[in-house]
Amino acid sequence: QVQLVESGGGLVQPGGSLRLSCAVSGFTYLDYYAIGWFRQAPGKEREGVSCIIKSDGRTYYADSVKGRFTMSRDNAKSTVFLQMDSLKAEDTAVYYCATDLGYGGNWYNPNSYDYWGQGTQVTVSS
């Protein structure tokens, strides 16, 4: 059974940092092509934040987080991370990780992803 478990969310002041983790398990006969981070604020659509390709570590970022967020991976532990620096109030959202099995689609499109975690709340507020 595939499971994705996010952790690391919380309350932080503007300008602060948080590091999210996503632990992936249960991939036995299948493998995933990429893992993405998404976020959803109240009343807004889910949006792609970042993505990392499993095979070569290529990363992609939304324009709104470029230069502030960094995605990395630990393949041995099947875990990916999202280092979030210089956080802004507009980064407040529930953050989700998801796996893309590689059937096609843009990295920032939630419909390209097949398995999702339960989400972790990030609140940026003074």
Foldseek 3Di string as FASTA:
>chain_A
DWAKAKDWADEAAQQAKIKMKIFIDDPDVADFQKKWKWWDDPPDDIWTAKMAGVPPGDMDGDPVQPPFWDKDDDVVRRMIMIIGGSDDQVVWTWMKMFTARPPDDDRTDPVRTDDIHPTDTHGYHD
